[in-house]
């Protein structure tokens, strides 16, 4: 049989546990905010690469060598 725990000690234990949980929750919140910023930056970088890839995959304009003037003109 377990010894009885008085109400004051039980309340202190619960308050301590809640304080630890609040601290852990705040730390997790800060990590999530940081990861959200990282994801936003990665998304922006990916969009830039997508635009560059689209430009590179476009067919280059065809030029006629006869229509181009030499650089010394």
C-alpha atoms as a PDB file:
ATOM      1  CA  UNK A   1       0.000   0.000   0.000  1.00  0.00           C
ATOM      2  CA  UNK A   2       1.343   3.443  -0.923  1.00  0.00           C
ATOM      3  CA  UNK A   3       1.625   6.112   1.726  1.00  0.00           C
ATOM      4  CA  UNK A   4      -0.949   8.912   1.495  1.00  0.00           C
ATOM      5  CA  UNK A   5       0.233  12.154  -0.119  1.00  0.00           C
ATOM      6  CA  UNK A   6      -1.078  15.358   1.339  1.00  0.00           C
ATOM      7  CA  UNK A   7      -2.977  17.766  -0.885  1.00  0.00           C
ATOM      8  CA  UNK A   8      -0.368  20.536  -0.612  1.00  0.00           C
ATOM      9  CA  UNK A   9       2.458  18.303  -1.872  1.00  0.00           C
ATOM     10  CA  UNK A  10       0.257  16.972  -4.650  1.00  0.00           C
ATOM     11  CA  UNK A  11      -0.659  20.508  -5.722  1.00  0.00           C
ATOM     12  CA  UNK A  12       3.018  21.531  -5.736  1.00  0.00           C
ATOM     13  CA  UNK A  13       3.896  18.510  -7.871  1.00  0.00           C
ATOM     14  CA  UNK A  14       1.149  19.377 -10.348  1.00  0.00           C
ATOM     15  CA  UNK A  15       2.227  23.036 -10.504  1.00  0.00           C
ATOM     16  CA  UNK A  16       5.802  21.975 -11.112  1.00  0.00           C
ATOM     17  CA  UNK A  17       4.756  19.609 -13.884  1.00  0.00           C
ATOM     18  CA  UNK A  18       2.658  22.337 -15.538  1.00  0.00           C
ATOM     19  CA  UNK A  19       5.572  24.793 -15.344  1.00  0.00           C
ATOM     20  CA  UNK A  20       7.857  22.266 -17.061  1.00  0.00           C
ATOM     21  CA  UNK A  21       5.242  21.599 -19.734  1.00  0.00           C
ATOM     22  CA  UNK A  22       4.820  25.332 -20.355  1.00  0.00           C
ATOM     23  CA  UNK A  23       8.582  25.709 -20.741  1.00  0.00           C
ATOM     24  CA  UNK A  24       8.771  22.762 -23.142  1.00  0.00           C
ATOM     25  CA  UNK A  25       5.809  24.102 -25.108  1.00  0.00           C
ATOM     26  CA  UNK A  26       7.504  27.499 -25.511  1.00  0.00           C
ATOM     27  CA  UNK A  27      10.704  25.843 -26.733  1.00  0.00           C
ATOM     28  CA  UNK A  28       8.761  23.787 -29.283  1.00  0.00           C
ATOM     29  CA  UNK A  29       6.960  26.921 -30.427  1.00  0.00           C
ATOM     30  CA  UNK A  30      10.287  28.697 -31.028  1.00  0.00           C
ATOM     31  CA  UNK A  31      11.576  25.719 -33.023  1.00  0.00           C
ATOM     32  CA  UNK A  32       8.430  25.696 -35.156  1.00  0.00           C
ATOM     33  CA  UNK A  33       8.763  29.419 -35.866  1.00  0.00           C
ATOM     34  CA  UNK A  34      12.363  28.901 -36.923  1.00  0.00           C
ATOM     35  CA  UNK A  35      11.441  25.984 -39.185  1.00  0.00           C
ATOM     36  CA  UNK A  36       8.634  28.019 -40.718  1.00  0.00           C
ATOM     37  CA  UNK A  37      11.168  30.700 -41.672  1.00  0.00           C
ATOM     38  CA  UNK A  38      13.487  28.079 -43.109  1.00  0.00           C
ATOM     39  CA  UNK A  39      10.660  26.589 -45.182  1.00  0.00           C
ATOM     40  CA  UNK A  40       9.703  30.031 -46.492  1.00  0.00           C
ATOM     41  CA  UNK A  41      13.307  30.653 -47.575  1.00  0.00           C
ATOM     42  CA  UNK A  42      13.547  27.217 -49.215  1.00  0.00           C
ATOM     43  CA  UNK A  43      10.281  27.864 -51.053  1.00  0.00           C
ATOM     44  CA  UNK A  44      11.539  31.206 -52.360  1.00  0.00           C
ATOM     45  CA  UNK A  45      14.800  29.639 -53.517  1.00  0.00           C
ATOM     46  CA  UNK A  46      12.929  26.806 -55.231  1.00  0.00           C
ATOM     47  CA  UNK A  47      10.717  29.314 -57.028  1.00  0.00           C
ATOM     48  CA  UNK A  48      13.798  31.149 -58.309  1.00  0.00           C
ATOM     49  CA  UNK A  49      15.290  27.900 -59.590  1.00  0.00           C
ATOM     50  CA  UNK A  50      11.989  27.000 -61.260  1.00  0.00           C
ATOM     51  CA  UNK A  51      11.933  30.342 -63.077  1.00  0.00           C
ATOM     52  CA  UNK A  52      15.557  29.932 -64.173  1.00  0.00           C
ATOM     53  CA  UNK A  53      14.910  26.398 -65.372  1.00  0.00           C
ATOM     54  CA  UNK A  54      11.881  27.578 -67.340  1.00  0.00           C
ATOM     55  CA  UNK A  55      14.004  30.250 -69.014  1.00  0.00           C
ATOM     56  CA  UNK A  56      16.736  27.750 -69.842  1.00  0.00           C
ATOM     57  CA  UNK A  57      14.314  25.197 -71.233  1.00  0.00           C
ATOM     58  CA  UNK A  58      12.749  27.691 -73.633  1.00  0.00           C
ATOM     59  CA  UNK A  59      13.920  27.233 -77.184  1.00  0.00           C
ATOM     60  CA  UNK A  60      16.541  29.817 -78.046  1.00  0.00           C
ATOM     61  CA  UNK A  61      15.608  32.281 -80.716  1.00  0.00           C
ATOM     62  CA  UNK A  62      16.965  31.331 -84.068  1.00  0.00           C
ATOM     63  CA  UNK A  63      19.209  33.871 -85.736  1.00  0.00           C
ATOM     64  CA  UNK A  64      20.422  33.930 -89.223  1.00  0.00           C
ATOM     65  CA  UNK A  65      24.192  34.493 -89.462  1.00  0.00           C
ATOM     66  CA  UNK A  66      23.592  36.593 -92.561  1.00  0.00           C
ATOM     67  CA  UNK A  67      21.440  39.031 -90.590  1.00  0.00           C
ATOM     68  CA  UNK A  68      24.044  39.638 -87.889  1.00  0.00           C
ATOM     69  CA  UNK A  69      26.605  42.324 -88.356  1.00  0.00           C
ATOM     70  CA  UNK A  70      30.179  41.647 -87.359  1.00  0.00           C
ATOM     71  CA  UNK A  71      31.272  43.194 -84.062  1.00  0.00           C
ATOM     72  CA  UNK A  72      33.605  45.717 -85.733  1.00  0.00           C
ATOM     73  CA  UNK A  73      30.724  47.549 -87.485  1.00  0.00           C
END
